[in-house]
PDB file of all heavy atoms in Angstrom:
ATOM      1  N   ASN A   1      72.287 120.753 -44.505  1.00  0.00           N
ATOM      2  CA  ASN A   1      71.400 120.931 -45.629  1.00  0.00           C
ATOM      3  C   ASN A   1      71.031 119.661 -46.356  1.00  0.00           C
ATOM      4  O   ASN A   1      70.029 119.534 -47.043  1.00  0.00           O
ATOM      5  CB  ASN A   1      72.086 121.919 -46.648  1.00  0.00           C
ATOM      6  CG  ASN A   1      72.133 123.326 -46.149  1.00  0.00           C
ATOM      7  OD1 ASN A   1      71.354 123.676 -45.256  1.00  0.00           O
ATOM      8  ND2 ASN A   1      73.077 124.090 -46.649  1.00  0.00           N
ATOM      9  N   GLN A   2      71.922 118.686 -46.158  1.00  0.00           N
ATOM     10  CA  GLN A   2      71.691 117.381 -46.796  1.00  0.00           C
ATOM     11  C   GLN A   2      70.687 116.506 -46.017  1.00  0.00           C
ATOM     12  O   GLN A   2      70.106 115.585 -46.550  1.00  0.00           O
ATOM     13  CB  GLN A   2      73.028 116.589 -46.898  1.00  0.00           C
ATOM     14  CG  GLN A   2      74.018 117.153 -47.896  1.00  0.00           C
ATOM     15  CD  GLN A   2      75.365 116.481 -47.858  1.00  0.00           C
ATOM     16  OE1 GLN A   2      75.698 115.822 -46.824  1.00  0.00           O
ATOM     17  NE2 GLN A   2      76.076 116.535 -48.959  1.00  0.00           N
ATOM     18  N   VAL A   3      70.436 116.886 -44.770  1.00  0.00           N
ATOM     19  CA  VAL A   3      69.503 116.053 -43.971  1.00  0.00           C
ATOM     20  C   VAL A   3      68.068 116.504 -44.279  1.00  0.00           C
ATOM     21  O   VAL A   3      67.665 117.623 -44.121  1.00  0.00           O
ATOM     22  CB  VAL A   3      69.780 116.312 -42.465  1.00  0.00           C
ATOM     23  CG1 VAL A   3      68.812 115.538 -41.628  1.00  0.00           C
ATOM     24  CG2 VAL A   3      71.204 115.865 -42.106  1.00  0.00           C
ATOM     25  N   LYS A   4      67.289 115.523 -44.734  1.00  0.00           N
ATOM     26  CA  LYS A   4      65.900 115.832 -45.163  1.00  0.00           C
ATOM     27  C   LYS A   4      64.929 115.500 -44.005  1.00  0.00           C
ATOM     28  O   LYS A   4      63.916 116.184 -43.937  1.00  0.00           O
ATOM     29  CB  LYS A   4      65.585 114.947 -46.355  1.00  0.00           C
ATOM     30  CG  LYS A   4      66.400 115.311 -47.602  1.00  0.00           C
ATOM     31  CD  LYS A   4      66.007 114.364 -48.765  1.00  0.00           C
ATOM     32  CE  LYS A   4      66.912 114.709 -50.000  1.00  0.00           C
ATOM     33  NZ  LYS A   4      66.566 113.850 -51.150  1.00  0.00           N
ATOM     34  N   ASP A   5      65.307 114.593 -43.141  1.00  0.00           N
ATOM     35  CA  ASP A   5      64.420 114.319 -41.986  1.00  0.00           C
ATOM     36  C   ASP A   5      65.351 113.775 -40.885  1.00  0.00           C
ATOM     37  O   ASP A   5      66.523 113.525 -41.080  1.00  0.00           O
ATOM     38  CB  ASP A   5      63.336 113.326 -42.342  1.00  0.00           C
ATOM     39  CG  ASP A   5      63.884 112.035 -42.937  1.00  0.00           C
ATOM     40  OD1 ASP A   5      64.726 111.412 -42.237  1.00  0.00           O
ATOM     41  OD2 ASP A   5      63.514 111.724 -44.051  1.00  0.00           O
ATOM     42  N   ASN A   6      64.804 113.639 -39.757  1.00  0.00           N
ATOM     43  CA  ASN A   6      65.601 113.176 -38.582  1.00  0.00           C
ATOM     44  C   ASN A   6      66.136 111.775 -38.625  1.00  0.00           C
ATOM     45  O   ASN A   6      67.032 111.434 -37.911  1.00  0.00           O
ATOM     46  CB  ASN A   6      64.745 113.302 -37.276  1.00  0.00           C
ATOM     47  CG  ASN A   6      64.370 114.734 -36.972  1.00  0.00           C
ATOM     48  OD1 ASN A   6      65.157 115.678 -37.308  1.00  0.00           O
ATOM     49  ND2 ASN A   6      63.227 115.001 -36.380  1.00  0.00           N
ATOM     50  N   SER A   7      65.615 111.014 -39.584  1.00  0.00           N
ATOM     51  CA  SER A   7      66.044 109.612 -39.725  1.00  0.00           C
ATOM     52  C   SER A   7      67.331 109.516 -40.519  1.00  0.00           C
ATOM     53  O   SER A   7      67.995 108.510 -40.470  1.00  0.00           O
ATOM     54  CB  SER A   7      64.930 108.774 -40.400  1.00  0.00           C
ATOM     55  OG  SER A   7      64.748 109.271 -41.762  1.00  0.00           O
ATOM     56  N   GLU A   8      67.694 110.569 -41.260  1.00  0.00           N
ATOM     57  CA  GLU A   8      68.913 110.517 -42.071  1.00  0.00           C
ATOM     58  C   GLU A   8      70.102 110.864 -41.166  1.00  0.00           C
ATOM     59  O   GLU A   8      70.127 111.908 -40.578  1.00  0.00           O
ATOM     60  CB  GLU A   8      68.816 111.451 -43.277  1.00  0.00           C
ATOM     61  CG  GLU A   8      69.941 111.354 -44.263  1.00  0.00           C
ATOM     62  CD  GLU A   8      69.718 112.138 -45.477  1.00  0.00           C
ATOM     63  OE1 GLU A   8      68.562 112.514 -45.723  1.00  0.00           O
ATOM     64  OE2 GLU A   8      70.684 112.314 -46.232  1.00  0.00           O
ATOM     65  N   LYS A   9      71.121 110.061 -41.245  1.00  0.00           N
ATOM     66  CA  LYS A   9      72.273 110.256 -40.412  1.00  0.00           C
ATOM     67  C   LYS A   9      73.217 111.272 -41.014  1.00  0.00           C
ATOM     68  O   LYS A   9      73.437 111.311 -42.238  1.00  0.00           O
ATOM     69  CB  LYS A   9      73.050 108.927 -40.264  1.00  0.00           C
ATOM     70  CG  LYS A   9      74.226 108.978 -39.327  1.00  0.00           C
ATOM     71  CD  LYS A   9      74.889 107.648 -39.215  1.00  0.00           C
ATOM     72  CE  LYS A   9      76.080 107.697 -38.260  1.00  0.00           C
ATOM     73  NZ  LYS A   9      76.742 106.381 -38.150  1.00  0.00           N
ATOM     74  N   VAL A  10      73.696 112.202 -40.171  1.00  0.00           N
ATOM     75  CA  VAL A  10      74.609 113.212 -40.624  1.00  0.00           C
ATOM     76  C   VAL A  10      76.013 112.537 -40.699  1.00  0.00           C
ATOM     77  O   VAL A  10      76.478 111.902 -39.802  1.00  0.00           O
ATOM     78  CB  VAL A  10      74.717 114.396 -39.623  1.00  0.00           C
ATOM     79  CG1 VAL A  10      75.775 115.342 -40.012  1.00  0.00           C
ATOM     80  CG2 VAL A  10      73.380 115.096 -39.481  1.00  0.00           C
ATOM     81  N   SER A  11      76.685 112.694 -41.896  1.00  0.00           N
ATOM     82  CA  SER A  11      77.983 112.085 -42.060  1.00  0.00           C
ATOM     83  C   SER A  11      79.056 113.047 -41.607  1.00  0.00           C
ATOM     84  O   SER A  11      78.852 114.220 -41.689  1.00  0.00           O
ATOM     85  CB  SER A  11      78.165 111.718 -43.518  1.00  0.00           C
ATOM     86  OG  SER A  11      78.155 112.897 -44.290  1.00  0.00           O
ATOM     87  N   TYR A  12      80.140 112.447 -41.146  1.00  0.00           N
ATOM     88  CA  TYR A  12      81.385 113.270 -40.829  1.00  0.00           C
ATOM     89  C   TYR A  12      82.343 113.329 -42.013  1.00  0.00           C
ATOM     90  O   TYR A  12      82.637 112.302 -42.583  1.00  0.00           O
ATOM     91  CB  TYR A  12      82.093 112.644 -39.616  1.00  0.00           C
ATOM     92  CG  TYR A  12      81.274 112.750 -38.327  1.00  0.00           C
ATOM     93  CD1 TYR A  12      80.623 111.656 -37.799  1.00  0.00           C
ATOM     94  CD2 TYR A  12      81.200 113.955 -37.663  1.00  0.00           C
ATOM     95  CE1 TYR A  12      79.954 111.743 -36.551  1.00  0.00           C
ATOM     96  CE2 TYR A  12      80.501 114.054 -36.461  1.00  0.00           C
ATOM     97  CZ  TYR A  12      79.870 112.930 -35.912  1.00  0.00           C
ATOM     98  OH  TYR A  12      79.140 113.035 -34.792  1.00  0.00           O
ATOM     99  N   ASP A  13      82.748 114.523 -42.353  1.00  0.00           N
ATOM    100  CA  ASP A  13      83.734 114.633 -43.376  1.00  0.00           C
ATOM    101  C   ASP A  13      85.025 115.283 -42.795  1.00  0.00           C
ATOM    102  O   ASP A  13      85.544 116.219 -43.325  1.00  0.00           O
ATOM    103  CB  ASP A  13      83.252 115.505 -44.530  1.00  0.00           C
ATOM    104  CG  ASP A  13      84.209 115.396 -45.723  1.00  0.00           C
ATOM    105  OD1 ASP A  13      84.989 114.520 -45.815  1.00  0.00           O
ATOM    106  OD2 ASP A  13      84.153 116.351 -46.532  1.00  0.00           O
ATOM    107  N   GLY A  14      85.373 114.741 -41.596  1.00  0.00           N
ATOM    108  CA  GLY A  14      86.493 115.359 -40.864  1.00  0.00           C
ATOM    109  C   GLY A  14      86.042 116.346 -39.881  1.00  0.00           C
ATOM    110  O   GLY A  14      86.140 116.190 -38.713  1.00  0.00           O
ATOM    111  N   ASN A  15      85.405 117.477 -40.396  1.00  0.00           N
ATOM    112  CA  ASN A  15      84.821 118.458 -39.540  1.00  0.00           C
ATOM    113  C   ASN A  15      85.764 119.079 -38.527  1.00  0.00           C
ATOM    114  O   ASN A  15      85.391 119.332 -37.395  1.00  0.00           O
ATOM    115  CB  ASN A  15      83.581 117.925 -38.826  1.00  0.00           C
ATOM    116  CG  ASN A  15      82.442 117.583 -39.818  1.00  0.00           C
ATOM    117  OD1 ASN A  15      82.640 117.528 -40.992  1.00  0.00           O
ATOM    118  ND2 ASN A  15      81.333 117.292 -39.265  1.00  0.00           N
ATOM    119  N   LEU A  16      87.009 119.339 -38.955  1.00  0.00           N
ATOM    120  CA  LEU A  16      87.912 120.156 -38.123  1.00  0.00           C
ATOM    121  C   LEU A  16      88.031 121.500 -38.743  1.00  0.00           C
ATOM    122  O   LEU A  16      88.324 121.596 -39.979  1.00  0.00           O
ATOM    123  CB  LEU A  16      89.333 119.510 -38.054  1.00  0.00           C
ATOM    124  CG  LEU A  16      89.561 118.469 -37.050  1.00  0.00           C
ATOM    125  CD1 LEU A  16      91.046 118.068 -37.035  1.00  0.00           C
ATOM    126  CD2 LEU A  16      89.223 118.865 -35.624  1.00  0.00           C
ATOM    127  N   LYS A  17      87.827 122.506 -37.973  1.00  0.00           N
ATOM    128  CA  LYS A  17      88.018 123.879 -38.477  1.00  0.00           C
ATOM    129  C   LYS A  17      89.140 124.488 -37.610  1.00  0.00           C
ATOM    130  O   LYS A  17      89.072 124.606 -36.378  1.00  0.00           O
ATOM    131  CB  LYS A  17      86.740 124.761 -38.332  1.00  0.00           C
ATOM    132  CG  LYS A  17      86.915 126.208 -38.721  1.00  0.00           C
ATOM    133  CD  LYS A  17      85.658 126.956 -38.430  1.00  0.00           C
ATOM    134  CE  LYS A  17      85.803 128.421 -38.765  1.00  0.00           C
ATOM    135  NZ  LYS A  17      84.572 129.247 -38.455  1.00  0.00           N
ATOM    136  N   ILE A  18      90.207 124.889 -38.260  1.00  0.00           N
ATOM    137  CA  ILE A  18      91.414 125.427 -37.554  1.00  0.00           C
ATOM    138  C   ILE A  18      91.685 126.822 -38.045  1.00  0.00           C
ATOM    139  O   ILE A  18      91.836 127.089 -39.195  1.00  0.00           O
ATOM    140  CB  ILE A  18      92.604 124.545 -37.782  1.00  0.00           C
ATOM    141  CG1 ILE A  18      92.294 123.095 -37.403  1.00  0.00           C
ATOM    142  CG2 ILE A  18      93.857 125.005 -37.061  1.00  0.00           C
ATOM    143  CD1 ILE A  18      93.327 122.025 -37.771  1.00  0.00           C
ATOM    144  N   THR A  19      91.706 127.750 -37.049  1.00  0.00           N
ATOM    145  CA  THR A  19      91.926 129.154 -37.338  1.00  0.00           C
ATOM    146  C   THR A  19      93.211 129.608 -36.676  1.00  0.00           C
ATOM    147  O   THR A  19      93.449 129.328 -35.475  1.00  0.00           O
ATOM    148  CB  THR A  19      90.709 129.990 -36.776  1.00  0.00           C
ATOM    149  OG1 THR A  19      89.528 129.442 -37.336  1.00  0.00           O
ATOM    150  CG2 THR A  19      90.825 131.439 -37.219  1.00  0.00           C
ATOM    151  N   PHE A  20      94.014 130.328 -37.436  1.00  0.00           N
ATOM    152  CA  PHE A  20      95.280 130.899 -36.957  1.00  0.00           C
ATOM    153  C   PHE A  20      95.170 132.407 -36.796  1.00  0.00           C
ATOM    154  O   PHE A  20      94.724 133.095 -37.731  1.00  0.00           O
ATOM    155  CB  PHE A  20      96.389 130.503 -37.905  1.00  0.00           C
ATOM    156  CG  PHE A  20      96.809 129.081 -37.910  1.00  0.00           C
ATOM    157  CD1 PHE A  20      96.094 128.236 -38.765  1.00  0.00           C
ATOM    158  CD2 PHE A  20      97.795 128.547 -37.112  1.00  0.00           C
ATOM    159  CE1 PHE A  20      96.394 126.878 -38.791  1.00  0.00           C
ATOM    160  CE2 PHE A  20      98.104 127.206 -37.162  1.00  0.00           C
ATOM    161  CZ  PHE A  20      97.448 126.352 -37.925  1.00  0.00           C
ATOM    162  N   ASN A  21      95.641 132.907 -35.642  1.00  0.00           N
ATOM    163  CA  ASN A  21      95.729 134.365 -35.429  1.00  0.00           C
ATOM    164  C   ASN A  21      96.939 134.926 -36.164  1.00  0.00           C
ATOM    165  O   ASN A  21      96.917 136.064 -36.613  1.00  0.00           O
ATOM    166  CB  ASN A  21      95.789 134.652 -33.946  1.00  0.00           C
ATOM    167  CG  ASN A  21      95.239 135.995 -33.623  1.00  0.00           C
ATOM    168  OD1 ASN A  21      94.911 136.780 -34.502  1.00  0.00           O
ATOM    169  ND2 ASN A  21      95.183 136.368 -32.332  1.00  0.00           N
ATOM    170  N   ASP A  22      98.021 134.135 -36.293  1.00  0.00           N
ATOM    171  CA  ASP A  22      99.208 134.604 -36.977  1.00  0.00           C
ATOM    172  C   ASP A  22      99.089 134.318 -38.438  1.00  0.00           C
ATOM    173  O   ASP A  22      98.436 133.335 -38.862  1.00  0.00           O
ATOM    174  CB  ASP A  22     100.482 133.854 -36.415  1.00  0.00           C
ATOM    175  CG  ASP A  22     100.561 134.016 -34.907  1.00  0.00           C
ATOM    176  OD1 ASP A  22     100.681 135.110 -34.445  1.00  0.00           O
ATOM    177  OD2 ASP A  22     100.492 132.955 -34.204  1.00  0.00           O
ATOM    178  N   THR A  23      99.731 135.205 -39.248  1.00  0.00           N
ATOM    179  CA  THR A  23      99.554 135.036 -40.699  1.00  0.00           C
ATOM    180  C   THR A  23     100.807 134.515 -41.373  1.00  0.00           C
ATOM    181  O   THR A  23     100.718 133.714 -42.315  1.00  0.00           O
ATOM    182  CB  THR A  23      99.146 136.404 -41.282  1.00  0.00           C
ATOM    183  OG1 THR A  23     100.165 137.370 -40.995  1.00  0.00           O
ATOM    184  CG2 THR A  23      97.793 136.844 -40.796  1.00  0.00           C
ATOM    185  N   ASP A  24     101.972 134.986 -40.955  1.00  0.00           N
ATOM    186  CA  ASP A  24     103.231 134.575 -41.649  1.00  0.00           C
ATOM    187  C   ASP A  24     104.335 134.189 -40.700  1.00  0.00           C
ATOM    188  O   ASP A  24     104.228 134.482 -39.504  1.00  0.00           O
ATOM    189  CB  ASP A  24     103.669 135.725 -42.609  1.00  0.00           C
ATOM    190  CG  ASP A  24     103.947 137.026 -41.913  1.00  0.00           C
ATOM    191  OD1 ASP A  24     104.918 137.098 -41.159  1.00  0.00           O
ATOM    192  OD2 ASP A  24     103.187 137.981 -42.079  1.00  0.00           O
ATOM    193  N   LEU A  25     105.409 133.660 -41.203  1.00  0.00           N
ATOM    194  CA  LEU A  25     106.511 133.175 -40.378  1.00  0.00           C
ATOM    195  C   LEU A  25     107.294 134.281 -39.721  1.00  0.00           C
ATOM    196  O   LEU A  25     107.849 134.133 -38.645  1.00  0.00           O
ATOM    197  CB  LEU A  25     107.405 132.269 -41.164  1.00  0.00           C
ATOM    198  CG  LEU A  25     106.764 131.003 -41.788  1.00  0.00           C
ATOM    199  CD1 LEU A  25     107.891 130.088 -42.351  1.00  0.00           C
ATOM    200  CD2 LEU A  25     105.914 130.278 -40.834  1.00  0.00           C
ATOM    201  N   PHE A  26     107.357 135.442 -40.375  1.00  0.00           N
ATOM    202  CA  PHE A  26     108.084 136.560 -39.800  1.00  0.00           C
ATOM    203  C   PHE A  26     107.342 137.082 -38.543  1.00  0.00           C
ATOM    204  O   PHE A  26     107.924 137.388 -37.538  1.00  0.00           O
ATOM    205  CB  PHE A  26     108.243 137.712 -40.791  1.00  0.00           C
ATOM    206  CG  PHE A  26     108.973 138.933 -40.231  1.00  0.00           C
ATOM    207  CD1 PHE A  26     110.365 138.816 -39.949  1.00  0.00           C
ATOM    208  CD2 PHE A  26     108.286 140.128 -39.984  1.00  0.00           C
ATOM    209  CE1 PHE A  26     111.022 139.926 -39.382  1.00  0.00           C
ATOM    210  CE2 PHE A  26     108.962 141.190 -39.472  1.00  0.00           C
ATOM    211  CZ  PHE A  26     110.318 141.096 -39.161  1.00  0.00           C
ATOM    212  N   GLN A  27     106.014 137.147 -38.634  1.00  0.00           N
ATOM    213  CA  GLN A  27     105.173 137.561 -37.484  1.00  0.00           C
ATOM    214  C   GLN A  27     105.345 136.567 -36.351  1.00  0.00           C
ATOM    215  O   GLN A  27     105.506 136.986 -35.207  1.00  0.00           O
ATOM    216  CB  GLN A  27     103.696 137.559 -37.924  1.00  0.00           C
ATOM    217  CG  GLN A  27     102.761 138.042 -36.784  1.00  0.00           C
ATOM    218  CD  GLN A  27     101.317 138.059 -37.224  1.00  0.00           C
ATOM    219  OE1 GLN A  27     101.003 137.701 -38.366  1.00  0.00           O
ATOM    220  NE2 GLN A  27     100.440 138.494 -36.402  1.00  0.00           N
ATOM    221  N   ILE A  28     105.462 135.270 -36.649  1.00  0.00           N
ATOM    222  CA  ILE A  28     105.630 134.231 -35.650  1.00  0.00           C
ATOM    223  C   ILE A  28     107.051 134.369 -34.999  1.00  0.00           C
ATOM    224  O   ILE A  28     107.208 134.292 -33.785  1.00  0.00           O
ATOM    225  CB  ILE A  28     105.460 132.881 -36.216  1.00  0.00           C
ATOM    226  CG1 ILE A  28     103.986 132.611 -36.618  1.00  0.00           C
ATOM    227  CG2 ILE A  28     105.952 131.727 -35.308  1.00  0.00           C
ATOM    228  CD1 ILE A  28     103.744 131.431 -37.455  1.00  0.00           C
ATOM    229  N   LEU A  29     108.062 134.640 -35.787  1.00  0.00           N
ATOM    230  CA  LEU A  29     109.417 134.798 -35.330  1.00  0.00           C
ATOM    231  C   LEU A  29     109.485 135.905 -34.318  1.00  0.00           C
ATOM    232  O   LEU A  29     110.135 135.777 -33.280  1.00  0.00           O
ATOM    233  CB  LEU A  29     110.374 135.027 -36.492  1.00  0.00           C
ATOM    234  CG  LEU A  29     111.824 135.231 -36.203  1.00  0.00           C
ATOM    235  CD1 LEU A  29     112.453 133.889 -35.798  1.00  0.00           C
ATOM    236  CD2 LEU A  29     112.608 135.834 -37.346  1.00  0.00           C
ATOM    237  N   GLN A  30     108.882 137.019 -34.619  1.00  0.00           N
ATOM    238  CA  GLN A  30     108.944 138.202 -33.720  1.00  0.00           C
ATOM    239  C   GLN A  30     108.010 137.981 -32.517  1.00  0.00           C
ATOM    240  O   GLN A  30     108.463 138.288 -31.354  1.00  0.00           O
ATOM    241  CB  GLN A  30     108.469 139.454 -34.467  1.00  0.00           C
ATOM    242  CG  GLN A  30     109.529 140.004 -35.421  1.00  0.00           C
ATOM    243  CD  GLN A  30     109.194 141.399 -35.853  1.00  0.00           C
ATOM    244  OE1 GLN A  30     108.078 141.739 -36.208  1.00  0.00           O
ATOM    245  NE2 GLN A  30     110.247 142.250 -35.815  1.00  0.00           N
ATOM    246  N   LYS A  31     106.844 137.482 -32.699  1.00  0.00           N
ATOM    247  CA  LYS A  31     105.889 137.368 -31.630  1.00  0.00           C
ATOM    248  C   LYS A  31     106.307 136.423 -30.495  1.00  0.00           C
ATOM    249  O   LYS A  31     106.145 136.669 -29.324  1.00  0.00           O
ATOM    250  CB  LYS A  31     104.511 136.873 -32.213  1.00  0.00           C
ATOM    251  CG  LYS A  31     103.412 136.788 -31.177  1.00  0.00           C
ATOM    252  CD  LYS A  31     102.127 136.380 -31.918  1.00  0.00           C
ATOM    253  CE  LYS A  31     100.978 136.238 -30.977  1.00  0.00           C
ATOM    254  NZ  LYS A  31      99.694 135.864 -31.682  1.00  0.00           N
ATOM    255  N   TYR A  32     106.932 135.278 -30.904  1.00  0.00           N
ATOM    256  CA  TYR A  32     107.252 134.285 -29.884  1.00  0.00           C
ATOM    257  C   TYR A  32     108.766 134.250 -29.497  1.00  0.00           C
ATOM    258  O   TYR A  32     109.114 133.548 -28.582  1.00  0.00           O
ATOM    259  CB  TYR A  32     106.836 132.910 -30.407  1.00  0.00           C
ATOM    260  CG  TYR A  32     105.348 132.831 -30.653  1.00  0.00           C
ATOM    261  CD1 TYR A  32     104.839 132.794 -31.940  1.00  0.00           C
ATOM    262  CD2 TYR A  32     104.411 132.752 -29.627  1.00  0.00           C
ATOM    263  CE1 TYR A  32     103.528 132.789 -32.253  1.00  0.00           C
ATOM    264  CE2 TYR A  32     103.072 132.753 -29.907  1.00  0.00           C
ATOM    265  CZ  TYR A  32     102.621 132.700 -31.198  1.00  0.00           C
ATOM    266  OH  TYR A  32     101.283 132.690 -31.437  1.00  0.00           O
ATOM    267  N   ASN A  33     109.588 134.980 -30.215  1.00  0.00           N
ATOM    268  CA  ASN A  33     110.978 135.043 -29.860  1.00  0.00           C
ATOM    269  C   ASN A  33     111.444 136.381 -29.304  1.00  0.00           C
ATOM    270  O   ASN A  33     112.521 136.505 -28.766  1.00  0.00           O
ATOM    271  CB  ASN A  33     111.854 134.664 -31.074  1.00  0.00           C
ATOM    272  CG  ASN A  33     111.689 133.283 -31.498  1.00  0.00           C
ATOM    273  OD1 ASN A  33     112.275 132.319 -30.881  1.00  0.00           O
ATOM    274  ND2 ASN A  33     110.915 133.000 -32.451  1.00  0.00           N
ATOM    275  N   GLN A  34     110.589 137.369 -29.481  1.00  0.00           N
ATOM    276  CA  GLN A  34     110.963 138.722 -29.018  1.00  0.00           C
ATOM    277  C   GLN A  34     109.692 139.342 -28.360  1.00  0.00           C
ATOM    278  O   GLN A  34     109.323 140.436 -28.699  1.00  0.00           O
ATOM    279  CB  GLN A  34     111.456 139.624 -30.113  1.00  0.00           C
ATOM    280  CG  GLN A  34     112.790 139.093 -30.685  1.00  0.00           C
ATOM    281  CD  GLN A  34     113.306 139.998 -31.860  1.00  0.00           C
ATOM    282  OE1 GLN A  34     112.576 140.733 -32.448  1.00  0.00           O
ATOM    283  NE2 GLN A  34     114.667 139.942 -32.004  1.00  0.00           N
ATOM    284  N   ALA A  35     109.117 138.535 -27.494  1.00  0.00           N
ATOM    285  CA  ALA A  35     107.848 138.975 -26.851  1.00  0.00           C
ATOM    286  C   ALA A  35     107.992 140.262 -26.050  1.00  0.00           C
ATOM    287  O   ALA A  35     107.022 140.960 -25.802  1.00  0.00           O
ATOM    288  CB  ALA A  35     107.297 137.863 -25.985  1.00  0.00           C
TER     289      ALA A  35
END
């Protein structure tokens, strides 16, 4: 949205998006230790 024309360079602000399927530590404990 900040880019007004093709000459303007897109800046990087990290741009890492990290998504977790697990929500809490108890879920992780059961899921990976009692599969």
